């Protein structure tokens, strides 16, 4: 059975998950992530992650680091043009696309 992609959880009611949360939700089973952990990531969406990094990238990096997998940051930047949320938004690159790209890049590392 294929998993539901992270983008499918982004800003969907009733949870209304942000980019960081949606990324975690998309990999919840693969990484055994609790709903409480996903809720904790509410604080890191919308450009609020450390250094203004995109929340989807922030969550992806956290997952990969915990799994001992390599970073996706350079590939993410190559695909989106930026690392930080404000820069991504300024370039009019849609947030759902960032979530999709981060999801695809994490999936490739697994």
C-alpha atoms as a PDB file:
ATOM      1  CA  UNK A   1       0.000   0.000   0.000  1.00  0.00           C
ATOM      2  CA  UNK A   2       1.389   3.392  -0.905  1.00  0.00           C
ATOM      3  CA  UNK A   3       1.572   6.123   1.683  1.00  0.00           C
ATOM      4  CA  UNK A   4      -0.315   9.382   1.551  1.00  0.00           C
ATOM      5  CA  UNK A   5       2.056  12.163   0.473  1.00  0.00           C
ATOM      6  CA  UNK A   6       2.858  15.021   2.825  1.00  0.00           C
ATOM      7  CA  UNK A   7       1.356  17.625   0.503  1.00  0.00           C
ATOM      8  CA  UNK A   8      -2.040  15.963   0.947  1.00  0.00           C
ATOM      9  CA  UNK A   9      -2.007  16.945   4.641  1.00  0.00           C
ATOM     10  CA  UNK A  10      -0.968  20.570   4.164  1.00  0.00           C
ATOM     11  CA  UNK A  11      -3.644  23.021   5.371  1.00  0.00           C
ATOM     12  CA  UNK A  12      -6.387  20.392   5.159  1.00  0.00           C
ATOM     13  CA  UNK A  13      -9.136  20.609   7.750  1.00  0.00           C
ATOM     14  CA  UNK A  14      -9.727  19.629  10.460  1.00  0.00           C
ATOM     15  CA  UNK A  15      -6.030  19.496  11.458  1.00  0.00           C
ATOM     16  CA  UNK A  16      -4.890  22.433   9.290  1.00  0.00           C
ATOM     17  CA  UNK A  17      -1.278  21.237   9.443  1.00  0.00           C
ATOM     18  CA  UNK A  18       1.480  23.644   8.507  1.00  0.00           C
ATOM     19  CA  UNK A  19       4.369  22.716   6.208  1.00  0.00           C
ATOM     20  CA  UNK A  20       6.551  21.189   8.936  1.00  0.00           C
ATOM     21  CA  UNK A  21       3.665  19.192  10.379  1.00  0.00           C
ATOM     22  CA  UNK A  22       2.484  17.999   6.976  1.00  0.00           C
ATOM     23  CA  UNK A  23       5.943  16.642   6.204  1.00  0.00           C
ATOM     24  CA  UNK A  24       5.983  14.694   9.466  1.00  0.00           C
ATOM     25  CA  UNK A  25       2.445  13.432   8.932  1.00  0.00           C
ATOM     26  CA  UNK A  26       3.418  12.130   5.511  1.00  0.00           C
ATOM     27  CA  UNK A  27       6.125   9.987   7.098  1.00  0.00           C
ATOM     28  CA  UNK A  28       4.353   9.241  10.365  1.00  0.00           C
ATOM     29  CA  UNK A  29       4.318   5.469   9.913  1.00  0.00           C
ATOM     30  CA  UNK A  30       7.801   5.166   8.424  1.00  0.00           C
ATOM     31  CA  UNK A  31       9.397   7.083  11.304  1.00  0.00           C
ATOM     32  CA  UNK A  32       6.910   6.138  14.059  1.00  0.00           C
ATOM     33  CA  UNK A  33       5.992   9.760  14.766  1.00  0.00           C
ATOM     34  CA  UNK A  34       3.329  10.411  17.380  1.00  0.00           C
ATOM     35  CA  UNK A  35       0.498  12.875  16.912  1.00  0.00           C
ATOM     36  CA  UNK A  36       1.964  14.813  19.854  1.00  0.00           C
ATOM     37  CA  UNK A  37       5.285  15.174  18.017  1.00  0.00           C
ATOM     38  CA  UNK A  38       3.457  16.429  14.948  1.00  0.00           C
ATOM     39  CA  UNK A  39       1.633  18.971  17.098  1.00  0.00           C
ATOM     40  CA  UNK A  40       4.968  20.197  18.506  1.00  0.00           C
ATOM     41  CA  UNK A  41       6.004  21.143  14.973  1.00  0.00           C
ATOM     42  CA  UNK A  42       3.136  23.646  14.762  1.00  0.00           C
ATOM     43  CA  UNK A  43       5.690  26.113  16.145  1.00  0.00           C
ATOM     44  CA  UNK A  44       8.004  25.687  13.146  1.00  0.00           C
ATOM     45  CA  UNK A  45       5.796  26.315  10.142  1.00  0.00           C
ATOM     46  CA  UNK A  46       5.398  29.534   8.221  1.00  0.00           C
ATOM     47  CA  UNK A  47       9.007  30.643   8.445  1.00  0.00           C
ATOM     48  CA  UNK A  48       9.275  30.237  12.212  1.00  0.00           C
ATOM     49  CA  UNK A  49      11.855  27.443  12.132  1.00  0.00           C
ATOM     50  CA  UNK A  50      15.377  28.232  13.269  1.00  0.00           C
ATOM     51  CA  UNK A  51      16.998  30.823  11.027  1.00  0.00           C
ATOM     52  CA  UNK A  52      13.831  31.264   8.966  1.00  0.00           C
ATOM     53  CA  UNK A  53      14.349  27.939   7.215  1.00  0.00           C
ATOM     54  CA  UNK A  54      11.367  26.520   5.344  1.00  0.00           C
ATOM     55  CA  UNK A  55       9.342  24.395   7.758  1.00  0.00           C
ATOM     56  CA  UNK A  56       9.103  21.490   5.332  1.00  0.00           C
ATOM     57  CA  UNK A  57      12.873  21.476   4.929  1.00  0.00           C
ATOM     58  CA  UNK A  58      13.346  21.847   8.689  1.00  0.00           C
ATOM     59  CA  UNK A  59      11.139  18.828   9.400  1.00  0.00           C
ATOM     60  CA  UNK A  60      12.729  16.778   6.625  1.00  0.00           C
ATOM     61  CA  UNK A  61      16.226  17.497   7.894  1.00  0.00           C
ATOM     62  CA  UNK A  62      15.211  16.552  11.420  1.00  0.00           C
ATOM     63  CA  UNK A  63      13.790  13.218  10.244  1.00  0.00           C
ATOM     64  CA  UNK A  64      16.771  12.381   8.089  1.00  0.00           C
ATOM     65  CA  UNK A  65      19.281  13.329  10.773  1.00  0.00           C
ATOM     66  CA  UNK A  66      17.518  11.087  13.299  1.00  0.00           C
ATOM     67  CA  UNK A  67      17.591   8.241  10.777  1.00  0.00           C
ATOM     68  CA  UNK A  68      21.283   8.766  10.023  1.00  0.00           C
ATOM     69  CA  UNK A  69      20.521   9.731   6.421  1.00  0.00           C
ATOM     70  CA  UNK A  70      22.177  12.500   4.389  1.00  0.00           C
ATOM     71  CA  UNK A  71      20.820  16.026   4.136  1.00  0.00           C
ATOM     72  CA  UNK A  72      18.504  17.125   1.356  1.00  0.00           C
ATOM     73  CA  UNK A  73      19.239  20.831   1.773  1.00  0.00           C
ATOM     74  CA  UNK A  74      21.244  21.313  -1.423  1.00  0.00           C
ATOM     75  CA  UNK A  75      18.679  19.434  -3.518  1.00  0.00           C
ATOM     76  CA  UNK A  76      15.855  21.396  -1.903  1.00  0.00           C
ATOM     77  CA  UNK A  77      17.570  24.699  -2.689  1.00  0.00           C
ATOM     78  CA  UNK A  78      18.219  23.555  -6.255  1.00  0.00           C
ATOM     79  CA  UNK A  79      14.507  22.804  -6.670  1.00  0.00           C
ATOM     80  CA  UNK A  80      13.029  25.817  -4.866  1.00  0.00           C
ATOM     81  CA  UNK A  81      15.722  28.431  -5.321  1.00  0.00           C
ATOM     82  CA  UNK A  82      15.995  29.158  -1.608  1.00  0.00           C
ATOM     83  CA  UNK A  83      16.416  27.688   1.861  1.00  0.00           C
ATOM     84  CA  UNK A  84      14.522  30.244   3.908  1.00  0.00           C
ATOM     85  CA  UNK A  85      10.775  30.651   3.968  1.00  0.00           C
ATOM     86  CA  UNK A  86      10.649  34.436   3.474  1.00  0.00           C
ATOM     87  CA  UNK A  87      12.850  34.158   0.381  1.00  0.00           C
ATOM     88  CA  UNK A  88      10.765  31.298  -0.988  1.00  0.00           C
ATOM     89  CA  UNK A  89       7.554  33.248  -0.450  1.00  0.00           C
ATOM     90  CA  UNK A  90       9.055  36.385  -1.981  1.00  0.00           C
ATOM     91  CA  UNK A  91       9.898  34.420  -5.113  1.00  0.00           C
ATOM     92  CA  UNK A  92       6.231  33.338  -5.297  1.00  0.00           C
ATOM     93  CA  UNK A  93       7.118  29.650  -5.002  1.00  0.00           C
ATOM     94  CA  UNK A  94       4.022  28.012  -3.468  1.00  0.00           C
ATOM     95  CA  UNK A  95       4.296  26.420  -0.033  1.00  0.00           C
ATOM     96  CA  UNK A  96       2.532  23.209  -1.105  1.00  0.00           C
ATOM     97  CA  UNK A  97       5.259  22.713  -3.692  1.00  0.00           C
ATOM     98  CA  UNK A  98       7.917  23.022  -0.978  1.00  0.00           C
ATOM     99  CA  UNK A  99       6.138  20.330   1.009  1.00  0.00           C
ATOM    100  CA  UNK A 100       5.934  18.099  -2.071  1.00  0.00           C
ATOM    101  CA  UNK A 101       9.600  18.599  -2.938  1.00  0.00           C
ATOM    102  CA  UNK A 102      10.759  17.915   0.626  1.00  0.00           C
ATOM    103  CA  UNK A 103       8.573  14.793   0.701  1.00  0.00           C
ATOM    104  CA  UNK A 104      10.012  13.495  -2.568  1.00  0.00           C
ATOM    105  CA  UNK A 105      13.573  14.172  -1.459  1.00  0.00           C
ATOM    106  CA  UNK A 106      13.097  12.408   1.881  1.00  0.00           C
ATOM    107  CA  UNK A 107      11.516   9.453   0.127  1.00  0.00           C
ATOM    108  CA  UNK A 108      14.568   9.160  -2.146  1.00  0.00           C
ATOM    109  CA  UNK A 109      16.870   8.981   0.887  1.00  0.00           C
ATOM    110  CA  UNK A 110      14.976   6.113   2.498  1.00  0.00           C
END
